[in-house]
């Protein structure tokens, strides 16, 4: 698993744990996840309509190539 995948997994797990600790039920967490997916899908579709290219890892702040 790449470092980026680990970071994504850690972030998701942290977000999930914080939601559960705040009292959200599993069904509410599913609703939040569904809403996040809808937002990302909308963002991708709008980017496609505008002719925008998807950002590459190289465009991320602090990105450095592996040596």
PDB file of N, CA and C in Angstrom:
ATOM      1  N   UNK A   1       0.850  -1.177   0.000  1.00  0.00           N
ATOM      2  CA  UNK A   1       0.000   0.000   0.000  1.00  0.00           C
ATOM      3  C   UNK A   1       0.891   1.235   0.000  1.00  0.00           C
ATOM      4  N   UNK A   2       0.593   2.160  -0.902  1.00  0.00           N
ATOM      5  CA  UNK A   2       1.405   3.368  -1.000  1.00  0.00           C
ATOM      6  C   UNK A   2       1.146   4.286   0.194  1.00  0.00           C
ATOM      7  N   UNK A   3       2.062   5.207   0.376  1.00  0.00           N
ATOM      8  CA  UNK A   3       1.929   6.179   1.470  1.00  0.00           C
ATOM      9  C   UNK A   3       0.655   6.986   1.313  1.00  0.00           C
ATOM     10  N   UNK A   4       0.311   7.349   0.067  1.00  0.00           N
ATOM     11  CA  UNK A   4      -0.901   8.125  -0.189  1.00  0.00           C
ATOM     12  C   UNK A   4      -2.139   7.336   0.207  1.00  0.00           C
ATOM     13  N   UNK A   5      -2.169   6.045  -0.117  1.00  0.00           N
ATOM     14  CA  UNK A   5      -3.306   5.207   0.253  1.00  0.00           C
ATOM     15  C   UNK A   5      -3.401   5.065   1.769  1.00  0.00           C
ATOM     16  N   UNK A   6      -2.278   4.966   2.427  1.00  0.00           N
ATOM     17  CA  UNK A   6      -2.283   4.861   3.889  1.00  0.00           C
ATOM     18  C   UNK A   6      -2.841   6.142   4.501  1.00  0.00           C
ATOM     19  N   UNK A   7      -2.407   7.277   3.968  1.00  0.00           N
ATOM     20  CA  UNK A   7      -2.893   8.554   4.477  1.00  0.00           C
ATOM     21  C   UNK A   7      -4.391   8.698   4.299  1.00  0.00           C
ATOM     22  N   UNK A   8      -4.884   8.284   3.138  1.00  0.00           N
ATOM     23  CA  UNK A   8      -6.318   8.342   2.858  1.00  0.00           C
ATOM     24  C   UNK A   8      -7.080   7.441   3.817  1.00  0.00           C
ATOM     25  N   UNK A   9      -6.553   6.251   4.031  1.00  0.00           N
ATOM     26  CA  UNK A   9      -7.197   5.292   4.935  1.00  0.00           C
ATOM     27  C   UNK A   9      -7.218   5.814   6.375  1.00  0.00           C
ATOM     28  N   UNK A  10      -6.118   6.396   6.805  1.00  0.00           N
ATOM     29  CA  UNK A  10      -6.037   6.960   8.161  1.00  0.00           C
ATOM     30  C   UNK A  10      -7.028   8.106   8.315  1.00  0.00           C
ATOM     31  N   UNK A  11      -7.093   8.987   7.307  1.00  0.00           N
ATOM     32  CA  UNK A  11      -8.027  10.115   7.360  1.00  0.00           C
ATOM     33  C   UNK A  11      -9.463   9.627   7.447  1.00  0.00           C
ATOM     34  N   UNK A  12      -9.819   8.637   6.622  1.00  0.00           N
ATOM     35  CA  UNK A  12     -11.186   8.100   6.635  1.00  0.00           C
ATOM     36  C   UNK A  12     -11.502   7.473   7.987  1.00  0.00           C
ATOM     37  N   UNK A  13     -10.575   6.698   8.516  1.00  0.00           N
ATOM     38  CA  UNK A  13     -10.802   6.050   9.808  1.00  0.00           C
ATOM     39  C   UNK A  13     -10.942   7.081  10.925  1.00  0.00           C
ATOM     40  N   UNK A  14     -10.117   8.127  10.883  1.00  0.00           N
ATOM     41  CA  UNK A  14     -10.193   9.189  11.891  1.00  0.00           C
ATOM     42  C   UNK A  14     -11.537   9.909  11.805  1.00  0.00           C
ATOM     43  N   UNK A  15     -11.963  10.225  10.584  1.00  0.00           N
ATOM     44  CA  UNK A  15     -13.245  10.900  10.382  1.00  0.00           C
ATOM     45  C   UNK A  15     -14.384  10.023  10.900  1.00  0.00           C
ATOM     46  N   UNK A  16     -14.355   8.755  10.556  1.00  0.00           N
ATOM     47  CA  UNK A  16     -15.372   7.810  11.020  1.00  0.00           C
ATOM     48  C   UNK A  16     -15.398   7.753  12.558  1.00  0.00           C
ATOM     49  N   UNK A  17     -14.238   7.604  13.164  1.00  0.00           N
ATOM     50  CA  UNK A  17     -14.174   7.521  14.629  1.00  0.00           C
ATOM     51  C   UNK A  17     -14.689   8.793  15.296  1.00  0.00           C
ATOM     52  N   UNK A  18     -14.390   9.946  14.703  1.00  0.00           N
ATOM     53  CA  UNK A  18     -14.873  11.211  15.262  1.00  0.00           C
ATOM     54  C   UNK A  18     -16.394  11.314  15.139  1.00  0.00           C
ATOM     55  N   UNK A  19     -16.931  10.888  14.012  1.00  0.00           N
ATOM     56  CA  UNK A  19     -18.384  10.911  13.849  1.00  0.00           C
ATOM     57  C   UNK A  19     -19.059  10.003  14.876  1.00  0.00           C
ATOM     58  N   UNK A  20     -18.537   8.795  15.022  1.00  0.00           N
ATOM     59  CA  UNK A  20     -19.130   7.849  15.979  1.00  0.00           C
ATOM     60  C   UNK A  20     -19.003   8.374  17.404  1.00  0.00           C
ATOM     61  N   UNK A  21     -17.859   8.968  17.743  1.00  0.00           N
ATOM     62  CA  UNK A  21     -17.651   9.512  19.091  1.00  0.00           C
ATOM     63  C   UNK A  21     -18.594  10.689  19.352  1.00  0.00           C
ATOM     64  N   UNK A  22     -18.984  11.392  18.285  1.00  0.00           N
ATOM     65  CA  UNK A  22     -19.902  12.525  18.416  1.00  0.00           C
ATOM     66  C   UNK A  22     -21.356  12.069  18.491  1.00  0.00           C
ATOM     67  N   UNK A  23     -21.570  10.754  18.402  1.00  0.00           N
ATOM     68  CA  UNK A  23     -22.918  10.230  18.568  1.00  0.00           C
ATOM     69  C   UNK A  23     -23.678   9.903  17.287  1.00  0.00           C
ATOM     70  N   UNK A  24     -23.013  10.023  16.135  1.00  0.00           N
ATOM     71  CA  UNK A  24     -23.687   9.673  14.886  1.00  0.00           C
ATOM     72  C   UNK A  24     -23.877   8.159  14.815  1.00  0.00           C
ATOM     73  N   UNK A  25     -25.039   7.750  14.340  1.00  0.00           N
ATOM     74  CA  UNK A  25     -25.330   6.328  14.194  1.00  0.00           C
ATOM     75  C   UNK A  25     -24.685   5.807  12.906  1.00  0.00           C
ATOM     76  N   UNK A  26     -24.553   4.487  12.781  1.00  0.00           N
ATOM     77  CA  UNK A  26     -24.013   3.958  11.520  1.00  0.00           C
ATOM     78  C   UNK A  26     -24.829   4.401  10.301  1.00  0.00           C
ATOM     79  N   UNK A  27     -26.141   4.494  10.429  1.00  0.00           N
ATOM     80  CA  UNK A  27     -26.968   4.942   9.303  1.00  0.00           C
ATOM     81  C   UNK A  27     -26.691   6.409   8.960  1.00  0.00           C
ATOM     82  N   UNK A  28     -26.457   7.230   9.972  1.00  0.00           N
ATOM     83  CA  UNK A  28     -26.125   8.627   9.707  1.00  0.00           C
ATOM     84  C   UNK A  28     -24.754   8.747   9.043  1.00  0.00           C
ATOM     85  N   UNK A  29     -23.818   7.906   9.443  1.00  0.00           N
ATOM     86  CA  UNK A  29     -22.488   7.907   8.820  1.00  0.00           C
ATOM     87  C   UNK A  29     -22.611   7.521   7.346  1.00  0.00           C
ATOM     88  N   UNK A  30     -23.464   6.554   7.047  1.00  0.00           N
ATOM     89  CA  UNK A  30     -23.702   6.172   5.650  1.00  0.00           C
ATOM     90  C   UNK A  30     -24.279   7.360   4.880  1.00  0.00           C
ATOM     91  N   UNK A  31     -25.202   8.087   5.495  1.00  0.00           N
ATOM     92  CA  UNK A  31     -25.767   9.271   4.849  1.00  0.00           C
ATOM     93  C   UNK A  31     -24.709  10.319   4.556  1.00  0.00           C
ATOM     94  N   UNK A  32     -23.800  10.519   5.484  1.00  0.00           N
ATOM     95  CA  UNK A  32     -22.711  11.487   5.289  1.00  0.00           C
ATOM     96  C   UNK A  32     -21.800  11.023   4.157  1.00  0.00           C
ATOM     97  N   UNK A  33     -21.459   9.735   4.162  1.00  0.00           N
ATOM     98  CA  UNK A  33     -20.601   9.188   3.108  1.00  0.00           C
ATOM     99  C   UNK A  33     -21.272   9.323   1.744  1.00  0.00           C
ATOM    100  N   UNK A  34     -22.563   9.076   1.694  1.00  0.00           N
ATOM    101  CA  UNK A  34     -23.312   9.202   0.443  1.00  0.00           C
ATOM    102  C   UNK A  34     -23.289  10.644  -0.053  1.00  0.00           C
ATOM    103  N   UNK A  35     -23.491  11.579   0.856  1.00  0.00           N
ATOM    104  CA  UNK A  35     -23.460  12.992   0.488  1.00  0.00           C
ATOM    105  C   UNK A  35     -22.077  13.392  -0.022  1.00  0.00           C
ATOM    106  N   UNK A  36     -21.031  12.909   0.632  1.00  0.00           N
ATOM    107  CA  UNK A  36     -19.668  13.204   0.172  1.00  0.00           C
ATOM    108  C   UNK A  36     -19.448  12.675  -1.245  1.00  0.00           C
ATOM    109  N   UNK A  37     -19.900  11.456  -1.506  1.00  0.00           N
ATOM    110  CA  UNK A  37     -19.767  10.890  -2.851  1.00  0.00           C
ATOM    111  C   UNK A  37     -20.530  11.710  -3.881  1.00  0.00           C
ATOM    112  N   UNK A  38     -21.717  12.175  -3.519  1.00  0.00           N
ATOM    113  CA  UNK A  38     -22.494  13.018  -4.435  1.00  0.00           C
ATOM    114  C   UNK A  38     -21.766  14.323  -4.725  1.00  0.00           C
ATOM    115  N   UNK A  39     -21.179  14.917  -3.705  1.00  0.00           N
ATOM    116  CA  UNK A  39     -20.437  16.163  -3.901  1.00  0.00           C
ATOM    117  C   UNK A  39     -19.234  15.956  -4.815  1.00  0.00           C
ATOM    118  N   UNK A  40     -18.507  14.878  -4.620  1.00  0.00           N
ATOM    119  CA  UNK A  40     -17.349  14.584  -5.468  1.00  0.00           C
ATOM    120  C   UNK A  40     -17.798  14.315  -6.899  1.00  0.00           C
ATOM    121  N   UNK A  41     -18.865  13.543  -7.055  1.00  0.00           N
ATOM    122  CA  UNK A  41     -19.389  13.241  -8.386  1.00  0.00           C
ATOM    123  C   UNK A  41     -19.802  14.521  -9.108  1.00  0.00           C
ATOM    124  N   UNK A  42     -20.500  15.403  -8.408  1.00  0.00           N
ATOM    125  CA  UNK A  42     -20.913  16.681  -8.993  1.00  0.00           C
ATOM    126  C   UNK A  42     -19.694  17.501  -9.389  1.00  0.00           C
ATOM    127  N   UNK A  43     -18.696  17.540  -8.521  1.00  0.00           N
ATOM    128  CA  UNK A  43     -17.481  18.295  -8.797  1.00  0.00           C
ATOM    129  C   UNK A  43     -16.774  17.751 -10.036  1.00  0.00           C
ATOM    130  N   UNK A  44     -16.695  16.433 -10.151  1.00  0.00           N
ATOM    131  CA  UNK A  44     -16.061  15.829 -11.322  1.00  0.00           C
ATOM    132  C   UNK A  44     -16.840  16.134 -12.594  1.00  0.00           C
ATOM    133  N   UNK A  45     -18.162  16.049 -12.520  1.00  0.00           N
ATOM    134  CA  UNK A  45     -18.980  16.332 -13.700  1.00  0.00           C
ATOM    135  C   UNK A  45     -18.845  17.785 -14.124  1.00  0.00           C
ATOM    136  N   UNK A  46     -18.848  18.705 -13.163  1.00  0.00           N
ATOM    137  CA  UNK A  46     -18.705  20.123 -13.489  1.00  0.00           C
ATOM    138  C   UNK A  46     -17.334  20.407 -14.074  1.00  0.00           C
ATOM    139  N   UNK A  47     -16.320  19.713 -13.576  1.00  0.00           N
ATOM    140  CA  UNK A  47     -14.974  19.872 -14.126  1.00  0.00           C
ATOM    141  C   UNK A  47     -14.907  19.393 -15.560  1.00  0.00           C
ATOM    142  N   UNK A  48     -15.600  18.283 -15.851  1.00  0.00           N
ATOM    143  CA  UNK A  48     -15.633  17.760 -17.212  1.00  0.00           C
ATOM    144  C   UNK A  48     -16.339  18.730 -18.152  1.00  0.00           C
ATOM    145  N   UNK A  49     -17.414  19.354 -17.693  1.00  0.00           N
ATOM    146  CA  UNK A  49     -18.169  20.304 -18.515  1.00  0.00           C
ATOM    147  C   UNK A  49     -17.336  21.529 -18.844  1.00  0.00           C
ATOM    148  N   UNK A  50     -16.514  21.948 -17.877  1.00  0.00           N
ATOM    149  CA  UNK A  50     -15.701  23.142 -18.071  1.00  0.00           C
ATOM    150  C   UNK A  50     -14.447  22.836 -18.880  1.00  0.00           C
ATOM    151  N   UNK A  51     -14.227  21.550 -19.161  1.00  0.00           N
ATOM    152  CA  UNK A  51     -13.034  21.191 -19.912  1.00  0.00           C
ATOM    153  C   UNK A  51     -11.782  21.201 -19.058  1.00  0.00           C
ATOM    154  N   UNK A  52     -11.972  21.243 -17.758  1.00  0.00           N
ATOM    155  CA  UNK A  52     -10.825  21.266 -16.854  1.00  0.00           C
ATOM    156  C   UNK A  52     -10.191  19.892 -16.793  1.00  0.00           C
ATOM    157  N   UNK A  53      -8.912  19.890 -16.610  1.00  0.00           N
ATOM    158  CA  UNK A  53      -8.221  18.626 -16.429  1.00  0.00           C
ATOM    159  C   UNK A  53      -8.180  18.293 -14.950  1.00  0.00           C
ATOM    160  N   UNK A  54      -8.121  17.019 -14.657  1.00  0.00           N
ATOM    161  CA  UNK A  54      -8.061  16.591 -13.267  1.00  0.00           C
ATOM    162  C   UNK A  54      -6.662  16.857 -12.729  1.00  0.00           C
ATOM    163  N   UNK A  55      -6.566  17.302 -11.476  1.00  0.00           N
ATOM    164  CA  UNK A  55      -5.242  17.575 -10.922  1.00  0.00           C
ATOM    165  C   UNK A  55      -4.424  16.287 -10.804  1.00  0.00           C
ATOM    166  N   UNK A  56      -3.147  16.421 -11.009  1.00  0.00           N
ATOM    167  CA  UNK A  56      -2.244  15.292 -10.865  1.00  0.00           C
ATOM    168  C   UNK A  56      -1.535  15.397  -9.524  1.00  0.00           C
ATOM    169  N   UNK A  57      -0.944  14.318  -9.046  1.00  0.00           N
ATOM    170  CA  UNK A  57      -0.217  14.403  -7.773  1.00  0.00           C
ATOM    171  C   UNK A  57       0.863  15.476  -7.797  1.00  0.00           C
ATOM    172  N   UNK A  58       1.432  15.699  -8.974  1.00  0.00           N
ATOM    173  CA  UNK A  58       2.495  16.702  -9.096  1.00  0.00           C
ATOM    174  C   UNK A  58       1.999  18.111  -8.802  1.00  0.00           C
ATOM    175  N   UNK A  59       0.692  18.330  -8.960  1.00  0.00           N
ATOM    176  CA  UNK A  59       0.122  19.661  -8.736  1.00  0.00           C
ATOM    177  C   UNK A  59      -0.152  19.923  -7.263  1.00  0.00           C
ATOM    178  N   UNK A  60      -0.105  18.889  -6.444  1.00  0.00           N
ATOM    179  CA  UNK A  60      -0.399  19.043  -5.020  1.00  0.00           C
ATOM    180  C   UNK A  60       0.730  19.815  -4.339  1.00  0.00           C
ATOM    181  N   UNK A  61       0.367  20.667  -3.359  1.00  0.00           N
ATOM    182  CA  UNK A  61       1.391  21.392  -2.626  1.00  0.00           C
ATOM    183  C   UNK A  61       2.310  20.425  -1.890  1.00  0.00           C
ATOM    184  N   UNK A  62       3.583  20.685  -1.977  1.00  0.00           N
ATOM    185  CA  UNK A  62       4.551  19.869  -1.249  1.00  0.00           C
ATOM    186  C   UNK A  62       4.894  18.551  -1.915  1.00  0.00           C
ATOM    187  N   UNK A  63       4.387  18.332  -3.121  1.00  0.00           N
ATOM    188  CA  UNK A  63       4.664  17.079  -3.810  1.00  0.00           C
ATOM    189  C   UNK A  63       6.132  17.014  -4.184  1.00  0.00           C
ATOM    190  N   UNK A  64       6.743  15.856  -3.974  1.00  0.00           N
ATOM    191  CA  UNK A  64       8.119  15.632  -4.374  1.00  0.00           C
ATOM    192  C   UNK A  64       8.224  14.277  -5.030  1.00  0.00           C
ATOM    193  N   UNK A  65       8.974  14.185  -6.114  1.00  0.00           N
ATOM    194  CA  UNK A  65       9.108  12.882  -6.771  1.00  0.00           C
ATOM    195  C   UNK A  65       9.903  11.911  -5.911  1.00  0.00           C
ATOM    196  N   UNK A  66       9.567  10.640  -6.086  1.00  0.00           N
ATOM    197  CA  UNK A  66      10.348   9.616  -5.385  1.00  0.00           C
ATOM    198  C   UNK A  66      11.667   9.434  -6.107  1.00  0.00           C
ATOM    199  N   UNK A  67      12.678   9.256  -5.343  1.00  0.00           N
ATOM    200  CA  UNK A  67      14.008   9.096  -5.933  1.00  0.00           C
ATOM    201  C   UNK A  67      14.464   7.670  -5.788  1.00  0.00           C
TER     202      UNK A  67
END
